[in-house]
Amino acid sequence: MKIVFTGITGLLGSYFLKTKSPDSEVIGIADKNIVEDAKNSFKVDITNKKSAMDLIGKINPSVIVHAASIGNVDYCEQHPDEAYAVNVEGTQNIIEAAKKIKAKIIFLSSNAIYDGENPPYDEKSSPKPLDVYGKTKVDGENLIKNSDLDFVILRLITMYGWPSEGGRSNPVTWVIEKLKRGDRIKVVTDIYNNHLWVGQAAEVVWKIIRGDIKNDIYNIAGADCISRYNLVLKVAAVFNLDSSLIAAVSSDFFKEIAPRPKNTCFNTAKMKKELNINPLSIDEGLLFMRQEVNENR
C-alpha cells in the first residue's frame, strides 16, 4: 500500500513512520524541516496547486493522510490570510489531487473546532470555533465532506510526545525542558482536555488505513479529562522533576492573542466501540514517553 502523508515533519508524522509495517510505503511531503531523498520525502508547498497535484499524481498513492497545516493558534490569529491559504486552500488542492487519482483521504482536524462551553464533545456536537485556526479546520472539514471522495475525518485533541529534531514543542515537552533547566513556570488551572499521546494517534490512523472505514468522523483523545495544571504535575512526577517550580494561575493571567476554549474534552465512546481502541490515561502515555528515553540511551 502506498500512502502520502502531508506534514510528515510534524509530531504525528514521525510516529506514523516509526509504526509503519513492511507492506506499506509512506511518502512524506512537507514545506519545511524536510530532507528530500527523491523517494520517500519531498518538499512541496500545498498552496501551489500545480506542484501539489503534479507530485501526488506522480506518486499515485491509494491513501492520502492530510496533516499539513499551520497549527500555531496565535500565529493564525495574527496571519488569517496565510492560515486560510494553507489550511483551507491547501486542503482543497490536496482534495483535487486525490480526485485525480481516486485516493482515499484521511483529514486531521482538531478540538479547536469547539467553543468549550458544552463538553464532552462527541462526533455529533456542533462545531463553534472561537479562533481563526478553529475556523479554518471547520472549513477544511466541510471541503472534505463535500468532496465526493472516500474520506475519514479524525478530530485529534491536543497531542504530546517527543517531536522530531527541529519540531515544535508540545504541552509535555515544554514542561520537561523548562523544569530540567530549573525554570519556574506558571500553568493554567482552568483549561481542560483529554490530552492524546501521539503514539496512540498514529495507531488510530493506521487502523483507519487498514480497515474498510469511509465517510465517517471520529473524535480521538486520551482517557483523562484534566486541567493543564494537573497534566504538568503528572509530568513532573513521572520524569522526577521539581514540582515546586510549578505555580497555578488562571487563564486570565496570560494575555494571549487568540481566545482559548476552556474545556474541549472529548467523548471517546465511538473510538472505543468502532475502532476497538481504548484511550490511554495520561500516566500510561507519559510512561511510554519515559520508556522511549530509556530505549534511546
C-alpha atoms as a PDB file:
ATOM      1  CA  MET A   1       0.000   0.000   0.000  1.00  0.00           C
ATOM      2  CA  LYS A   2       1.326   3.413  -0.969  1.00  0.00           C
ATOM      3  CA  ILE A   3       0.477   6.315   1.335  1.00  0.00           C
ATOM      4  CA  VAL A   4       1.207  10.029   1.060  1.00  0.00           C
ATOM      5  CA  PHE A   5       1.442  11.838   4.407  1.00  0.00           C
ATOM      6  CA  THR A   6       1.361  15.637   4.200  1.00  0.00           C
ATOM      7  CA  GLY A   7       3.116  17.481   7.019  1.00  0.00           C
ATOM      8  CA  ILE A   8       5.343  14.485   7.676  1.00  0.00           C
ATOM      9  CA  THR A   9       7.802  16.535   9.778  1.00  0.00           C
ATOM     10  CA  GLY A  10       5.164  17.219  12.438  1.00  0.00           C
ATOM     11  CA  LEU A  11       4.758  15.304  15.697  1.00  0.00           C
ATOM     12  CA  LEU A  12       2.315  12.754  14.304  1.00  0.00           C
ATOM     13  CA  GLY A  13       4.310  12.215  11.113  1.00  0.00           C
ATOM     14  CA  SER A  14       7.384  10.998  12.976  1.00  0.00           C
ATOM     15  CA  TYR A  15       5.387   8.440  14.994  1.00  0.00           C
ATOM     16  CA  PHE A  16       3.447   7.365  11.916  1.00  0.00           C
ATOM     17  CA  LEU A  17       6.731   6.488  10.225  1.00  0.00           C
ATOM     18  CA  LYS A  18       8.021   4.644  13.304  1.00  0.00           C
ATOM     19  CA  THR A  19       4.984   2.371  13.331  1.00  0.00           C
ATOM     20  CA  LYS A  20       4.644   1.588   9.628  1.00  0.00           C
ATOM     21  CA  SER A  21       4.535  -2.031   8.529  1.00  0.00           C
ATOM     22  CA  PRO A  22       6.749  -3.626   5.852  1.00  0.00           C
ATOM     23  CA  ASP A  23       3.808  -3.910   3.443  1.00  0.00           C
ATOM     24  CA  SER A  24       3.282  -0.123   3.419  1.00  0.00           C
ATOM     25  CA  GLU A  25       5.235   2.536   1.581  1.00  0.00           C
ATOM     26  CA  VAL A  26       4.972   6.007   3.134  1.00  0.00           C
ATOM     27  CA  ILE A  27       5.952   9.051   1.105  1.00  0.00           C
ATOM     28  CA  GLY A  28       6.140  12.188   3.202  1.00  0.00           C
ATOM     29  CA  ILE A  29       5.701  15.728   1.963  1.00  0.00           C
ATOM     30  CA  ALA A  30       6.235  18.990   3.819  1.00  0.00           C
ATOM     31  CA  ASP A  31       7.385  22.532   3.131  1.00  0.00           C
ATOM     32  CA  LYS A  32       9.977  22.830   5.925  1.00  0.00           C
ATOM     33  CA  ASN A  33      12.317  20.784   8.134  1.00  0.00           C
ATOM     34  CA  ILE A  34      12.391  18.084   5.472  1.00  0.00           C
ATOM     35  CA  VAL A  35      15.305  16.282   3.878  1.00  0.00           C
ATOM     36  CA  GLU A  36      14.394  15.269   0.346  1.00  0.00           C
ATOM     37  CA  ASP A  37      15.633  11.870  -0.730  1.00  0.00           C
ATOM     38  CA  ALA A  38      13.968  11.556  -4.166  1.00  0.00           C
ATOM     39  CA  LYS A  39      11.963   8.549  -2.987  1.00  0.00           C
ATOM     40  CA  ASN A  40      10.421   8.810   0.470  1.00  0.00           C
ATOM     41  CA  SER A  41      10.257  12.552   1.160  1.00  0.00           C
ATOM     42  CA  PHE A  42       9.605  15.634  -0.934  1.00  0.00           C
ATOM     43  CA  LYS A  43       9.389  19.348  -0.296  1.00  0.00           C
ATOM     44  CA  VAL A  44       6.254  20.951  -1.673  1.00  0.00           C
ATOM     45  CA  ASP A  45       4.077  23.946  -0.859  1.00  0.00           C
ATOM     46  CA  ILE A  46       0.492  22.693  -0.764  1.00  0.00           C
ATOM     47  CA  THR A  47      -0.776  26.195  -1.584  1.00  0.00           C
ATOM     48  CA  ASN A  48       0.820  25.735  -5.021  1.00  0.00           C
ATOM     49  CA  LYS A  49      -1.921  23.715  -6.678  1.00  0.00           C
ATOM     50  CA  LYS A  50       0.077  22.592  -9.712  1.00  0.00           C
ATOM     51  CA  SER A  51       3.106  21.495  -7.694  1.00  0.00           C
ATOM     52  CA  ALA A  52       0.986  19.586  -5.197  1.00  0.00           C
ATOM     53  CA  MET A  53      -1.140  17.908  -7.862  1.00  0.00           C
ATOM     54  CA  ASP A  54       1.837  17.015 -10.055  1.00  0.00           C
ATOM     55  CA  LEU A  55       3.774  15.437  -7.185  1.00  0.00           C
ATOM     56  CA  ILE A  56       0.860  13.475  -5.734  1.00  0.00           C
ATOM     57  CA  GLY A  57      -0.210  12.396  -9.196  1.00  0.00           C
ATOM     58  CA  LYS A  58       3.291  11.090  -9.880  1.00  0.00           C
ATOM     59  CA  ILE A  59       3.388   9.170  -6.579  1.00  0.00           C
ATOM     60  CA  ASN A  60      -0.146   7.839  -7.174  1.00  0.00           C
ATOM     61  CA  PRO A  61      -0.974   6.727  -3.596  1.00  0.00           C
ATOM     62  CA  SER A  62      -4.113   4.843  -2.630  1.00  0.00           C
ATOM     63  CA  VAL A  63      -4.412   6.883   0.592  1.00  0.00           C
ATOM     64  CA  ILE A  64      -3.530  10.478   1.478  1.00  0.00           C
ATOM     65  CA  VAL A  65      -3.202  11.407   5.154  1.00  0.00           C
ATOM     66  CA  HIS A  66      -3.582  15.176   5.195  1.00  0.00           C
ATOM     67  CA  ALA A  67      -1.936  16.531   8.337  1.00  0.00           C
ATOM     68  CA  ALA A  68      -0.234  19.633   6.916  1.00  0.00           C
ATOM     69  CA  SER A  69      -1.489  22.908   8.363  1.00  0.00           C
ATOM     70  CA  ILE A  70      -0.440  25.971  10.292  1.00  0.00           C
ATOM     71  CA  GLY A  71      -1.253  24.814  13.810  1.00  0.00           C
ATOM     72  CA  ASN A  72       0.041  27.714  15.909  1.00  0.00           C
ATOM     73  CA  VAL A  73      -3.205  29.257  17.163  1.00  0.00           C
ATOM     74  CA  ASP A  74      -1.823  32.728  17.893  1.00  0.00           C
ATOM     75  CA  TYR A  75       0.082  32.832  14.582  1.00  0.00           C
ATOM     76  CA  CYS A  76      -3.136  32.005  12.723  1.00  0.00           C
ATOM     77  CA  GLU A  77      -4.940  34.785  14.581  1.00  0.00           C
ATOM     78  CA  GLN A  78      -2.259  37.275  13.537  1.00  0.00           C
ATOM     79  CA  HIS A  79      -1.983  35.978   9.951  1.00  0.00           C
ATOM     80  CA  PRO A  80      -5.529  34.954   8.956  1.00  0.00           C
ATOM     81  CA  ASP A  81      -4.920  35.165   5.205  1.00  0.00           C
ATOM     82  CA  GLU A  82      -1.916  32.855   5.409  1.00  0.00           C
ATOM     83  CA  ALA A  83      -3.798  30.482   7.729  1.00  0.00           C
ATOM     84  CA  TYR A  84      -6.688  30.326   5.267  1.00  0.00           C
ATOM     85  CA  ALA A  85      -4.354  29.829   2.312  1.00  0.00           C
ATOM     86  CA  VAL A  86      -2.571  26.855   3.907  1.00  0.00           C
ATOM     87  CA  ASN A  87      -5.325  25.259   5.979  1.00  0.00           C
ATOM     88  CA  VAL A  88      -8.256  25.727   3.598  1.00  0.00           C
ATOM     89  CA  GLU A  89      -6.986  26.415   0.084  1.00  0.00           C
ATOM     90  CA  GLY A  90      -4.155  23.931   0.631  1.00  0.00           C
ATOM     91  CA  THR A  91      -6.711  21.330   1.678  1.00  0.00           C
ATOM     92  CA  GLN A  92      -8.716  21.992  -1.480  1.00  0.00           C
ATOM     93  CA  ASN A  93      -5.561  21.403  -3.536  1.00  0.00           C
ATOM     94  CA  ILE A  94      -4.995  18.071  -1.785  1.00  0.00           C
ATOM     95  CA  ILE A  95      -8.621  17.161  -2.490  1.00  0.00           C
ATOM     96  CA  GLU A  96      -8.165  17.938  -6.189  1.00  0.00           C
ATOM     97  CA  ALA A  97      -5.039  15.783  -6.272  1.00  0.00           C
ATOM     98  CA  ALA A  98      -6.904  12.934  -4.552  1.00  0.00           C
ATOM     99  CA  LYS A  99      -9.796  13.174  -7.007  1.00  0.00           C
ATOM    100  CA  LYS A 100      -7.482  12.863  -9.960  1.00  0.00           C
ATOM    101  CA  ILE A 101      -6.075   9.546  -8.733  1.00  0.00           C
ATOM    102  CA  LYS A 102      -9.184   8.387  -6.826  1.00  0.00           C
ATOM    103  CA  ALA A 103      -7.336   8.197  -3.495  1.00  0.00           C
ATOM    104  CA  LYS A 104      -8.980   7.924  -0.096  1.00  0.00           C
ATOM    105  CA  ILE A 105      -8.269  10.931   2.124  1.00  0.00           C
ATOM    106  CA  ILE A 106      -7.824  10.988   5.898  1.00  0.00           C
ATOM    107  CA  PHE A 107      -8.158  14.565   7.133  1.00  0.00           C
ATOM    108  CA  LEU A 108      -6.749  15.522  10.518  1.00  0.00           C
ATOM    109  CA  SER A 109      -8.911  18.060  12.304  1.00  0.00           C
ATOM    110  CA  SER A 110      -8.815  19.448  15.835  1.00  0.00           C
ATOM    111  CA  ASN A 111     -10.595  20.090  19.125  1.00  0.00           C
ATOM    112  CA  ALA A 112     -10.249  23.781  18.207  1.00  0.00           C
ATOM    113  CA  ILE A 113     -13.500  23.444  16.247  1.00  0.00           C
ATOM    114  CA  TYR A 114     -15.400  23.605  19.578  1.00  0.00           C
ATOM    115  CA  ASP A 115     -16.072  26.601  21.831  1.00  0.00           C
ATOM    116  CA  GLY A 116     -15.539  24.712  25.107  1.00  0.00           C
ATOM    117  CA  GLU A 117     -18.954  25.568  26.531  1.00  0.00           C
ATOM    118  CA  ASN A 118     -20.661  22.150  26.355  1.00  0.00           C
ATOM    119  CA  PRO A 119     -18.200  19.295  26.922  1.00  0.00           C
ATOM    120  CA  PRO A 120     -17.707  16.432  26.479  1.00  0.00           C
ATOM    121  CA  TYR A 121     -17.860  16.659  22.693  1.00  0.00           C
ATOM    122  CA  ASP A 122     -18.800  13.728  20.502  1.00  0.00           C
ATOM    123  CA  GLU A 123     -18.886  13.396  16.732  1.00  0.00           C
ATOM    124  CA  LYS A 124     -22.381  14.913  16.509  1.00  0.00           C
ATOM    125  CA  SER A 125     -21.533  18.031  18.538  1.00  0.00           C
ATOM    126  CA  SER A 126     -21.903  21.233  16.537  1.00  0.00           C
ATOM    127  CA  PRO A 127     -18.632  22.999  15.704  1.00  0.00           C
ATOM    128  CA  LYS A 128     -18.388  26.529  17.140  1.00  0.00           C
ATOM    129  CA  PRO A 129     -14.789  27.658  16.764  1.00  0.00           C
ATOM    130  CA  LEU A 130     -13.578  30.678  18.736  1.00  0.00           C
ATOM    131  CA  ASP A 131     -10.454  31.461  16.723  1.00  0.00           C
ATOM    132  CA  VAL A 132      -9.122  31.662  13.177  1.00  0.00           C
ATOM    133  CA  TYR A 133      -7.348  28.304  13.412  1.00  0.00           C
ATOM    134  CA  GLY A 134     -10.533  26.529  14.500  1.00  0.00           C
ATOM    135  CA  LYS A 135     -12.497  28.204  11.714  1.00  0.00           C
ATOM    136  CA  THR A 136     -10.010  27.002   9.105  1.00  0.00           C
ATOM    137  CA  LYS A 137     -10.328  23.432  10.389  1.00  0.00           C
ATOM    138  CA  VAL A 138     -14.133  23.602  10.156  1.00  0.00           C
ATOM    139  CA  ASP A 139     -13.816  24.918   6.599  1.00  0.00           C
ATOM    140  CA  GLY A 140     -11.394  22.097   5.812  1.00  0.00           C
ATOM    141  CA  GLU A 141     -13.791  19.501   7.218  1.00  0.00           C
ATOM    142  CA  ASN A 142     -16.613  20.870   5.080  1.00  0.00           C
ATOM    143  CA  LEU A 143     -14.481  20.698   1.948  1.00  0.00           C
ATOM    144  CA  ILE A 144     -13.647  17.068   2.709  1.00  0.00           C
ATOM    145  CA  LYS A 145     -17.282  16.110   3.415  1.00  0.00           C
ATOM    146  CA  ASN A 146     -18.450  17.698   0.168  1.00  0.00           C
ATOM    147  CA  SER A 147     -15.625  16.313  -1.988  1.00  0.00           C
ATOM    148  CA  ASP A 148     -17.303  13.068  -3.189  1.00  0.00           C
ATOM    149  CA  LEU A 149     -14.132  11.252  -2.122  1.00  0.00           C
ATOM    150  CA  ASP A 150     -13.900   8.337   0.280  1.00  0.00           C
ATOM    151  CA  PHE A 151     -12.827  10.114   3.460  1.00  0.00           C
ATOM    152  CA  VAL A 152     -12.369   9.853   7.200  1.00  0.00           C
ATOM    153  CA  ILE A 153     -12.099  12.932   9.416  1.00  0.00           C
ATOM    154  CA  LEU A 154     -10.095  12.435  12.615  1.00  0.00           C
ATOM    155  CA  ARG A 155     -10.509  15.184  15.183  1.00  0.00           C
ATOM    156  CA  LEU A 156      -7.372  14.853  17.272  1.00  0.00           C
ATOM    157  CA  ILE A 157      -7.280  16.562  20.641  1.00  0.00           C
ATOM    158  CA  THR A 158      -4.048  18.219  21.852  1.00  0.00           C
ATOM    159  CA  MET A 159      -1.224  15.712  21.385  1.00  0.00           C
ATOM    160  CA  TYR A 160       2.006  15.150  23.287  1.00  0.00           C
ATOM    161  CA  GLY A 161       5.140  13.113  22.643  1.00  0.00           C
ATOM    162  CA  TRP A 162       8.775  13.509  21.578  1.00  0.00           C
ATOM    163  CA  PRO A 163       8.985  15.764  18.489  1.00  0.00           C
ATOM    164  CA  SER A 164      11.438  15.088  15.686  1.00  0.00           C
ATOM    165  CA  GLU A 165      14.548  17.271  15.506  1.00  0.00           C
ATOM    166  CA  GLY A 166      13.531  20.858  14.805  1.00  0.00           C
ATOM    167  CA  GLY A 167       9.887  20.104  15.578  1.00  0.00           C
ATOM    168  CA  ARG A 168       7.604  22.204  17.767  1.00  0.00           C
ATOM    169  CA  SER A 169       7.393  21.504  21.470  1.00  0.00           C
ATOM    170  CA  ASN A 170       4.062  20.421  22.962  1.00  0.00           C
ATOM    171  CA  PRO A 171       2.468  20.734  26.427  1.00  0.00           C
ATOM    172  CA  VAL A 172       4.570  17.881  27.838  1.00  0.00           C
ATOM    173  CA  THR A 173       7.972  18.507  26.245  1.00  0.00           C
ATOM    174  CA  TRP A 174       7.705  22.225  27.055  1.00  0.00           C
ATOM    175  CA  VAL A 175       7.317  21.374  30.748  1.00  0.00           C
ATOM    176  CA  ILE A 176      10.185  18.883  30.695  1.00  0.00           C
ATOM    177  CA  GLU A 177      12.526  21.395  29.045  1.00  0.00           C
ATOM    178  CA  LYS A 178      11.625  24.170  31.487  1.00  0.00           C
ATOM    179  CA  LEU A 179      11.825  22.127  34.686  1.00  0.00           C
ATOM    180  CA  LYS A 180      15.074  20.435  33.671  1.00  0.00           C
ATOM    181  CA  ARG A 181      16.604  23.918  33.370  1.00  0.00           C
ATOM    182  CA  GLY A 182      15.241  24.851  36.776  1.00  0.00           C
ATOM    183  CA  ASP A 183      12.888  27.488  35.345  1.00  0.00           C
ATOM    184  CA  ARG A 184       9.816  28.496  37.295  1.00  0.00           C
ATOM    185  CA  ILE A 185       6.633  28.110  35.249  1.00  0.00           C
ATOM    186  CA  LYS A 186       3.037  29.287  35.552  1.00  0.00           C
ATOM    187  CA  VAL A 187       0.367  26.863  34.360  1.00  0.00           C
ATOM    188  CA  VAL A 188      -3.374  27.381  33.967  1.00  0.00           C
ATOM    189  CA  THR A 189      -5.856  25.515  36.139  1.00  0.00           C
ATOM    190  CA  ASP A 190      -8.999  26.265  34.108  1.00  0.00           C
ATOM    191  CA  ILE A 191      -8.200  24.865  30.650  1.00  0.00           C
ATOM    192  CA  TYR A 192      -9.200  21.210  30.276  1.00  0.00           C
ATOM    193  CA  ASN A 193      -8.853  18.473  27.700  1.00  0.00           C
ATOM    194  CA  ASN A 194      -8.044  14.774  27.499  1.00  0.00           C
ATOM    195  CA  HIS A 195      -4.533  15.002  26.074  1.00  0.00           C
ATOM    196  CA  LEU A 196      -3.589  12.383  23.488  1.00  0.00           C
ATOM    197  CA  TRP A 197      -0.282  10.516  23.353  1.00  0.00           C
ATOM    198  CA  VAL A 198       0.870  10.781  19.756  1.00  0.00           C
ATOM    199  CA  GLY A 199       1.706   7.068  19.589  1.00  0.00           C
ATOM    200  CA  GLN A 200      -1.963   6.262  20.079  1.00  0.00           C
ATOM    201  CA  ALA A 201      -2.928   8.840  17.441  1.00  0.00           C
ATOM    202  CA  ALA A 202      -0.625   7.039  14.986  1.00  0.00           C
ATOM    203  CA  GLU A 203      -2.275   3.730  15.931  1.00  0.00           C
ATOM    204  CA  VAL A 204      -5.675   5.212  15.087  1.00  0.00           C
ATOM    205  CA  VAL A 205      -4.527   6.472  11.681  1.00  0.00           C
ATOM    206  CA  TRP A 206      -3.091   3.071  10.807  1.00  0.00           C
ATOM    207  CA  LYS A 207      -6.320   1.381  11.917  1.00  0.00           C
ATOM    208  CA  ILE A 208      -8.318   3.646   9.603  1.00  0.00           C
ATOM    209  CA  ILE A 209      -5.953   2.965   6.706  1.00  0.00           C
ATOM    210  CA  ARG A 210      -6.052  -0.813   7.123  1.00  0.00           C
ATOM    211  CA  GLY A 211      -9.779  -1.000   7.765  1.00  0.00           C
ATOM    212  CA  ASP A 212     -12.738  -0.553   5.461  1.00  0.00           C
ATOM    213  CA  ILE A 213     -13.847   2.668   7.128  1.00  0.00           C
ATOM    214  CA  LYS A 214     -15.008   5.532   4.942  1.00  0.00           C
ATOM    215  CA  ASN A 215     -17.179   8.638   5.040  1.00  0.00           C
ATOM    216  CA  ASP A 216     -17.038   8.876   8.806  1.00  0.00           C
ATOM    217  CA  ILE A 217     -15.797  11.115  11.615  1.00  0.00           C
ATOM    218  CA  TYR A 218     -14.034  10.186  14.864  1.00  0.00           C
ATOM    219  CA  ASN A 219     -13.157  12.289  17.901  1.00  0.00           C
ATOM    220  CA  ILE A 220      -9.845  10.908  19.172  1.00  0.00           C
ATOM    221  CA  ALA A 221      -8.475  11.650  22.650  1.00  0.00           C
ATOM    222  CA  GLY A 222      -6.927  10.194  25.778  1.00  0.00           C
ATOM    223  CA  ALA A 223      -8.829   8.837  28.760  1.00  0.00           C
ATOM    224  CA  ASP A 224      -8.332  11.632  31.315  1.00  0.00           C
ATOM    225  CA  CYS A 225     -10.151  14.960  31.153  1.00  0.00           C
ATOM    226  CA  ILE A 226      -7.840  17.074  33.310  1.00  0.00           C
ATOM    227  CA  SER A 227      -6.569  20.637  33.575  1.00  0.00           C
ATOM    228  CA  ARG A 228      -3.282  21.713  32.058  1.00  0.00           C
ATOM    229  CA  TYR A 229      -2.007  22.259  35.628  1.00  0.00           C
ATOM    230  CA  ASN A 230      -2.772  18.678  36.671  1.00  0.00           C
ATOM    231  CA  LEU A 231      -1.148  17.413  33.483  1.00  0.00           C
ATOM    232  CA  VAL A 232       2.027  19.289  34.381  1.00  0.00           C
ATOM    233  CA  LEU A 233       2.053  17.843  37.902  1.00  0.00           C
ATOM    234  CA  LYS A 234       1.855  14.346  36.400  1.00  0.00           C
ATOM    235  CA  VAL A 235       4.736  15.140  34.034  1.00  0.00           C
ATOM    236  CA  ALA A 236       6.874  16.279  36.946  1.00  0.00           C
ATOM    237  CA  ALA A 237       6.079  13.100  38.877  1.00  0.00           C
ATOM    238  CA  VAL A 238       6.779  10.670  36.009  1.00  0.00           C
ATOM    239  CA  PHE A 239      10.038  12.357  34.980  1.00  0.00           C
ATOM    240  CA  ASN A 240      11.216  13.076  38.546  1.00  0.00           C
ATOM    241  CA  LEU A 241      11.242  16.849  38.100  1.00  0.00           C
ATOM    242  CA  ASP A 242      10.850  19.558  40.729  1.00  0.00           C
ATOM    243  CA  SER A 243       7.133  20.318  41.105  1.00  0.00           C
ATOM    244  CA  SER A 244       7.881  23.232  43.463  1.00  0.00           C
ATOM    245  CA  LEU A 245       8.792  25.212  40.334  1.00  0.00           C
ATOM    246  CA  ILE A 246       5.172  24.998  39.108  1.00  0.00           C
ATOM    247  CA  ALA A 247       2.733  27.770  40.015  1.00  0.00           C
ATOM    248  CA  ALA A 248      -1.002  27.584  39.384  1.00  0.00           C
ATOM    249  CA  VAL A 249      -2.708  30.521  37.644  1.00  0.00           C
ATOM    250  CA  SER A 250      -5.992  31.145  35.825  1.00  0.00           C
ATOM    251  CA  SER A 251      -6.034  31.650  32.072  1.00  0.00           C
ATOM    252  CA  ASP A 252      -6.765  35.353  32.646  1.00  0.00           C
ATOM    253  CA  PHE A 253      -3.159  35.690  33.785  1.00  0.00           C
ATOM    254  CA  PHE A 254      -1.925  35.320  30.184  1.00  0.00           C
ATOM    255  CA  LYS A 255      -2.659  37.973  27.592  1.00  0.00           C
ATOM    256  CA  GLU A 256      -2.971  35.638  24.634  1.00  0.00           C
ATOM    257  CA  ILE A 257      -3.761  36.785  21.121  1.00  0.00           C
ATOM    258  CA  ALA A 258      -6.354  34.142  20.219  1.00  0.00           C
ATOM    259  CA  PRO A 259      -9.264  33.214  22.501  1.00  0.00           C
ATOM    260  CA  ARG A 260      -8.962  29.748  24.055  1.00  0.00           C
ATOM    261  CA  PRO A 261     -11.912  27.440  24.788  1.00  0.00           C
ATOM    262  CA  LYS A 262     -11.989  26.385  28.453  1.00  0.00           C
ATOM    263  CA  ASN A 263     -12.955  22.722  28.123  1.00  0.00           C
ATOM    264  CA  THR A 264     -12.808  20.739  24.883  1.00  0.00           C
ATOM    265  CA  CYS A 265     -12.742  17.249  26.401  1.00  0.00           C
ATOM    266  CA  PHE A 266     -13.983  14.543  24.023  1.00  0.00           C
ATOM    267  CA  ASN A 267     -16.452  11.740  24.471  1.00  0.00           C
ATOM    268  CA  THR A 268     -14.427   8.782  23.135  1.00  0.00           C
ATOM    269  CA  ALA A 269     -17.220   6.166  23.090  1.00  0.00           C
ATOM    270  CA  LYS A 270     -17.170   5.854  19.293  1.00  0.00           C
ATOM    271  CA  MET A 271     -13.380   5.499  19.251  1.00  0.00           C
ATOM    272  CA  LYS A 272     -13.658   2.617  21.728  1.00  0.00           C
ATOM    273  CA  LYS A 273     -16.674   0.886  20.187  1.00  0.00           C
ATOM    274  CA  GLU A 274     -15.957   1.149  16.455  1.00  0.00           C
ATOM    275  CA  LEU A 275     -12.156   1.249  16.357  1.00  0.00           C
ATOM    276  CA  ASN A 276     -11.708  -1.050  19.357  1.00  0.00           C
ATOM    277  CA  ILE A 277      -9.030   1.264  20.757  1.00  0.00           C
ATOM    278  CA  ASN A 278      -9.111   2.114  24.467  1.00  0.00           C
ATOM    279  CA  PRO A 279      -7.860   5.633  25.174  1.00  0.00           C
ATOM    280  CA  LEU A 280      -4.684   5.759  27.235  1.00  0.00           C
ATOM    281  CA  SER A 281      -4.529   7.528  30.566  1.00  0.00           C
ATOM    282  CA  ILE A 282      -2.065  10.387  30.980  1.00  0.00           C
ATOM    283  CA  ASP A 283       0.077   8.182  33.232  1.00  0.00           C
ATOM    284  CA  GLU A 284       0.228   5.462  30.570  1.00  0.00           C
ATOM    285  CA  GLY A 285       1.171   7.900  27.817  1.00  0.00           C
ATOM    286  CA  LEU A 286       3.873   9.548  29.918  1.00  0.00           C
ATOM    287  CA  LEU A 287       5.310   6.161  30.820  1.00  0.00           C
ATOM    288  CA  PHE A 288       5.566   5.351  27.101  1.00  0.00           C
ATOM    289  CA  MET A 289       7.493   8.605  26.662  1.00  0.00           C
ATOM    290  CA  ARG A 290       9.825   7.737  29.546  1.00  0.00           C
ATOM    291  CA  GLN A 291      10.351   4.283  28.082  1.00  0.00           C
ATOM    292  CA  GLU A 292      11.360   5.857  24.760  1.00  0.00           C
ATOM    293  CA  VAL A 293      14.019   7.904  26.548  1.00  0.00           C
ATOM    294  CA  ASN A 294      15.425   4.801  28.200  1.00  0.00           C
ATOM    295  CA  GLU A 295      15.474   2.906  24.896  1.00  0.00           C
ATOM    296  CA  ASN A 296      17.398   5.686  23.184  1.00  0.00           C
ATOM    297  CA  ARG A 297      20.138   5.871  25.813  1.00  0.00           C
END
